[in-house]
Amino acid sequence: MRPGVFSNALSGLKYEEVLTREPWKVLQIMTEFVNGYEKLAPIEPSVSIFGSARIPPGHVYYEKTERIAKLLADSGFSVVSGGGPGLMEAANKGAFSGSGYSVGLNIQLPHEQQDNSYQDISLHFRHFFARKVMFVKYAAAYVVMPGGFGTLDEVIEALTLVQTGKSRRMPIILVGSEFWAGLVAWFQDTLIREGMISPEDLDLFTVLDEPEDVVKAIFQHYEYRGFEPSAAEIEALINL
């Protein structure tokens, strides 16, 4: 694309101005990583909880998310959410009332994202990819509540990282068998049948319904190895 055409596409921004500004974005991105590493280092072991921003208090999904987070916090885990409303708020609220850290990884969005008030540690990101690294880097488990595109994005990324060995093997728990049934069926009936994934890839996640079973499954996974990552897992997380 010629510079003049690019300039017109940028609605008044000059091509040279864009070239000058873009390299400085590297420093902004670096700042998000450094700030995240510094503030989140004390939170291990932690569990990242994902779910819809659109679910109000009183909804069964909200109540279940809050219960899971409270159980995890009282069991010694920090709880990490996206920091916004809906099920993110429920996760932070449950953890805030427990004994572990309640962490919010907030993202700047044009709509839907507003910080909830139940955060012991609150970080703010402009870039989704920096935020995603923070969700994975300190997590001993993923708990995935019902949600939309953002939630699907997070769970698929988690499955991909574990499948490819770029992240440690950890419990990835989908909560709500009825909600997730269609996705799991598509994995089985389409992805496996078409050879897009292997049958054993279905072992990368578990579908559960009860909050107590979620906590039990996480402890069972680490029963014989402890929550600390191995040397190989630490190396993988450094290179995440």
Protein backbone atom coordinates (compact mmCIF):
# COMPACT_ATOMS: atom_id res chain seq x y z
CA MET A 1 0.00 0.00 0.00
CA ARG A 2 1.38 3.44 -0.99
CA PRO A 3 1.98 5.94 1.86
CA GLY A 4 -0.61 8.33 0.47
CA VAL A 5 -3.31 5.65 0.44
CA PHE A 6 -2.36 4.60 3.99
CA SER A 7 -2.61 8.22 5.11
CA ASN A 8 -6.14 8.55 3.75
CA ALA A 9 -7.18 5.32 5.45
CA LEU A 10 -6.02 6.70 8.80
CA SER A 11 -8.57 9.55 8.70
CA GLY A 12 -6.12 12.40 8.88
CA LEU A 13 -3.17 10.73 10.62
CA LYS A 14 -0.04 11.15 8.58
CA TYR A 15 1.92 8.06 7.57
CA GLU A 16 5.09 9.48 9.11
CA GLU A 17 3.27 10.19 12.38
CA VAL A 18 2.14 6.58 12.63
CA LEU A 19 5.65 5.32 12.00
CA THR A 20 6.92 7.59 14.77
CA ARG A 21 4.28 6.55 17.32
CA GLU A 22 4.25 2.80 16.75
CA PRO A 23 7.76 2.00 18.09
CA TRP A 24 6.89 3.74 21.36
CA LYS A 25 4.06 1.23 21.83
CA VAL A 26 6.78 -1.28 22.69
CA LEU A 27 7.54 0.62 25.88
CA GLN A 28 3.86 0.74 26.80
CA ILE A 29 3.55 -3.00 26.29
CA MET A 30 6.75 -3.63 28.27
CA THR A 31 5.37 -1.54 31.13
CA GLU A 32 2.24 -3.71 31.28
CA PHE A 33 4.34 -6.87 31.51
CA VAL A 34 6.74 -5.51 34.13
CA ASN A 35 3.91 -4.14 36.27
CA GLY A 36 2.06 -7.44 36.04
CA TYR A 37 5.09 -9.53 36.97
CA GLU A 38 5.88 -7.35 39.96
CA LYS A 39 2.37 -7.20 41.41
CA LEU A 40 1.34 -10.79 40.74
CA ALA A 41 4.45 -12.58 41.99
CA PRO A 42 3.01 -13.04 45.54
CA ILE A 43 -0.35 -14.53 44.50
CA GLU A 44 0.61 -18.17 43.88
CA PRO A 45 -1.08 -20.57 44.03
CA SER A 46 -3.89 -18.93 42.11
CA VAL A 47 -6.89 -19.95 40.05
CA SER A 48 -8.10 -17.93 37.07
CA ILE A 49 -11.90 -17.74 36.75
CA PHE A 50 -13.56 -16.68 33.52
CA GLY A 51 -17.19 -15.94 32.68
CA SER A 52 -19.69 -13.55 31.16
CA ALA A 53 -19.73 -9.83 31.96
CA ARG A 54 -23.49 -9.79 31.33
CA ILE A 55 -24.77 -11.96 34.19
CA PRO A 56 -26.40 -9.96 37.02
CA PRO A 57 -26.24 -10.65 40.77
CA GLY A 58 -28.86 -13.17 41.84
CA HIS A 59 -28.51 -15.27 38.70
CA VAL A 60 -27.68 -18.92 39.32
CA TYR A 61 -24.39 -18.54 37.42
CA TYR A 62 -23.44 -15.53 39.55
CA GLU A 63 -24.20 -17.33 42.80
CA LYS A 64 -22.28 -20.42 41.72
CA THR A 65 -19.25 -18.38 40.64
CA GLU A 66 -19.21 -16.53 43.95
CA ARG A 67 -19.43 -19.82 45.84
CA ILE A 68 -16.56 -21.39 43.88
CA ALA A 69 -14.35 -18.36 44.44
CA LYS A 70 -15.10 -18.29 48.17
CA LEU A 71 -14.25 -21.99 48.50
CA LEU A 72 -11.00 -21.51 46.58
CA ALA A 73 -9.98 -18.48 48.63
CA ASP A 74 -10.69 -20.27 51.90
CA SER A 75 -8.63 -23.21 50.61
CA GLY A 76 -5.54 -21.04 50.18
CA PHE A 77 -5.84 -19.92 46.57
CA SER A 78 -5.75 -16.44 45.14
CA VAL A 79 -8.55 -15.88 42.65
CA VAL A 80 -7.91 -14.00 39.41
CA SER A 81 -10.69 -12.61 37.23
CA GLY A 82 -11.00 -10.09 34.43
CA GLY A 83 -11.94 -7.48 37.00
CA GLY A 84 -15.17 -6.38 35.36
CA PRO A 85 -18.89 -6.90 36.06
CA GLY A 86 -21.00 -10.04 35.84
CA LEU A 87 -19.28 -13.30 36.65
CA MET A 88 -15.95 -11.52 36.96
CA GLU A 89 -17.45 -9.51 39.79
CA ALA A 90 -18.89 -12.67 41.33
CA ALA A 91 -15.43 -14.30 41.30
CA ASN A 92 -13.78 -11.30 42.93
CA LYS A 93 -16.61 -10.92 45.43
CA GLY A 94 -16.33 -14.53 46.54
CA ALA A 95 -12.56 -14.32 46.91
CA PHE A 96 -12.75 -10.92 48.63
CA SER A 97 -14.88 -12.45 51.37
CA GLY A 98 -12.41 -15.33 51.74
CA SER A 99 -8.83 -15.49 52.90
CA GLY A 100 -6.96 -15.37 49.58
CA TYR A 101 -6.07 -12.48 47.29
CA SER A 102 -8.82 -11.22 44.99
CA VAL A 103 -7.14 -10.10 41.77
CA GLY A 104 -8.65 -8.19 38.87
CA LEU A 105 -6.93 -7.96 35.48
CA ASN A 106 -8.94 -5.12 34.01
CA ILE A 107 -8.98 -4.27 30.31
CA GLN A 108 -9.79 -0.94 28.72
CA LEU A 109 -12.76 -1.45 26.39
CA PRO A 110 -15.26 0.86 24.66
CA HIS A 111 -18.12 -0.81 26.53
CA GLU A 112 -19.03 -3.52 29.07
CA GLN A 113 -15.83 -3.25 31.12
CA GLN A 114 -16.10 -1.43 34.42
CA ASP A 115 -13.94 -2.32 37.40
CA ASN A 116 -15.74 -4.12 40.20
CA SER A 117 -15.08 -3.08 43.78
CA TYR A 118 -13.91 -6.45 45.17
CA GLN A 119 -10.22 -6.40 44.23
CA ASP A 120 -7.23 -6.60 46.57
CA ILE A 121 -4.90 -6.30 43.58
CA SER A 122 -6.10 -4.39 40.54
CA LEU A 123 -4.17 -4.14 37.28
CA HIS A 124 -5.21 -2.32 34.11
CA PHE A 125 -4.28 -3.33 30.57
CA ARG A 126 -4.68 -1.83 27.14
CA HIS A 127 -3.50 -4.96 25.36
CA PHE A 128 -5.34 -8.26 25.50
CA PHE A 129 -2.21 -10.32 24.87
CA ALA A 130 -0.34 -8.90 27.87
CA ARG A 131 -3.38 -9.53 30.04
CA LYS A 132 -3.70 -13.10 28.76
CA VAL A 133 -0.13 -13.88 29.77
CA MET A 134 -0.92 -12.79 33.33
CA PHE A 135 -3.95 -15.09 33.45
CA VAL A 136 -1.80 -18.07 32.50
CA LYS A 137 1.55 -17.36 34.12
CA TYR A 138 0.51 -17.71 37.77
CA ALA A 139 -2.47 -20.05 37.39
CA ALA A 140 -2.62 -23.48 38.99
CA ALA A 141 -6.04 -24.03 37.37
CA TYR A 142 -8.62 -22.47 35.07
CA VAL A 143 -12.27 -22.41 36.08
CA VAL A 144 -14.47 -21.48 33.13
CA MET A 145 -18.01 -20.36 33.83
CA PRO A 146 -20.65 -19.75 31.13
CA GLY A 147 -19.71 -16.85 28.91
CA GLY A 148 -19.48 -15.42 25.43
CA PHE A 149 -16.71 -14.77 22.91
CA GLY A 150 -14.23 -13.51 25.51
CA THR A 151 -14.71 -16.58 27.68
CA LEU A 152 -14.42 -18.88 24.67
CA ASP A 153 -11.26 -17.09 23.63
CA GLU A 154 -9.70 -17.70 27.04
CA VAL A 155 -10.62 -21.37 27.31
CA ILE A 156 -9.47 -22.20 23.77
CA GLU A 157 -6.19 -20.41 24.36
CA ALA A 158 -5.69 -22.31 27.62
CA LEU A 159 -6.37 -25.62 25.89
CA THR A 160 -3.99 -24.72 23.08
CA LEU A 161 -1.17 -23.71 25.44
CA VAL A 162 -1.46 -26.93 27.43
CA GLN A 163 -1.89 -29.10 24.32
CA THR A 164 1.23 -27.66 22.72
CA GLY A 165 3.32 -27.75 25.89
CA LYS A 166 3.70 -23.97 26.05
CA SER A 167 2.08 -23.97 29.50
CA ARG A 168 2.06 -26.36 32.45
CA ARG A 169 -0.53 -29.11 32.56
CA MET A 170 -3.24 -27.86 34.90
CA PRO A 171 -6.93 -28.46 35.55
CA ILE A 172 -9.16 -26.69 33.04
CA ILE A 173 -12.67 -27.00 34.41
CA LEU A 174 -15.79 -26.03 32.48
CA VAL A 175 -18.59 -25.38 34.96
CA GLY A 176 -22.11 -26.12 33.76
CA SER A 177 -22.61 -29.37 31.87
CA GLU A 178 -25.78 -28.17 30.15
CA PHE A 179 -24.21 -24.91 28.99
CA TRP A 180 -21.04 -26.54 27.62
CA ALA A 181 -22.70 -29.65 26.15
CA GLY A 182 -22.93 -28.26 22.62
CA LEU A 183 -19.27 -27.22 22.51
CA VAL A 184 -18.09 -30.56 23.87
CA ALA A 185 -20.28 -32.39 21.34
CA TRP A 186 -18.73 -30.33 18.54
CA PHE A 187 -15.26 -31.25 19.78
CA GLN A 188 -16.25 -34.92 19.70
CA ASP A 189 -18.39 -35.04 16.57
CA THR A 190 -16.51 -32.61 14.35
CA LEU A 191 -12.97 -31.87 15.52
CA ILE A 192 -12.09 -35.48 16.34
CA ARG A 193 -13.97 -36.93 13.38
CA GLU A 194 -12.25 -34.50 11.00
CA GLY A 195 -8.86 -35.21 12.57
CA MET A 196 -8.41 -31.63 13.84
CA ILE A 197 -7.63 -32.80 17.37
CA SER A 198 -6.78 -36.17 18.90
CA PRO A 199 -9.23 -38.11 21.09
CA GLU A 200 -6.89 -37.73 24.06
CA ASP A 201 -7.16 -33.94 23.76
CA LEU A 202 -10.57 -34.25 25.42
CA ASP A 203 -8.67 -35.21 28.58
CA LEU A 204 -7.30 -31.66 28.76
CA PHE A 205 -10.50 -30.41 30.37
CA THR A 206 -13.21 -31.55 32.77
CA VAL A 207 -16.87 -30.59 32.91
CA LEU A 208 -18.36 -30.23 36.40
CA ASP A 209 -21.43 -28.66 38.00
CA GLU A 210 -20.94 -28.36 41.75
CA PRO A 211 -18.61 -25.83 43.40
CA GLU A 212 -17.30 -28.40 45.88
CA ASP A 213 -16.40 -30.75 43.03
CA VAL A 214 -14.44 -27.98 41.31
CA VAL A 215 -12.23 -27.44 44.35
CA LYS A 216 -11.86 -31.19 44.90
CA ALA A 217 -10.75 -31.73 41.29
CA ILE A 218 -8.03 -29.09 41.61
CA PHE A 219 -6.65 -30.64 44.79
CA GLN A 220 -6.76 -34.12 43.28
CA HIS A 221 -4.71 -32.96 40.31
CA TYR A 222 -1.92 -31.70 42.58
CA GLU A 223 -2.19 -34.39 45.25
CA TYR A 224 1.07 -36.11 44.34
CA ARG A 225 3.12 -33.22 43.03
CA GLY A 226 2.31 -30.00 44.90
CA PHE A 227 1.33 -26.64 43.47
CA GLU A 228 4.85 -25.42 42.71
CA PRO A 229 5.74 -25.72 39.01
CA SER A 230 8.61 -28.03 38.11
CA ALA A 231 11.88 -26.72 36.69
CA ALA A 232 10.69 -27.59 33.17
CA GLU A 233 7.36 -25.86 33.76
CA ILE A 234 9.10 -22.75 35.09
CA GLU A 235 11.22 -22.65 31.96
CA ALA A 236 8.11 -22.95 29.78
CA LEU A 237 6.38 -20.16 31.70
CA ILE A 238 9.41 -17.91 31.34
CA ASN A 239 9.23 -18.41 27.58
CA LEU A 240 5.44 -18.10 27.43
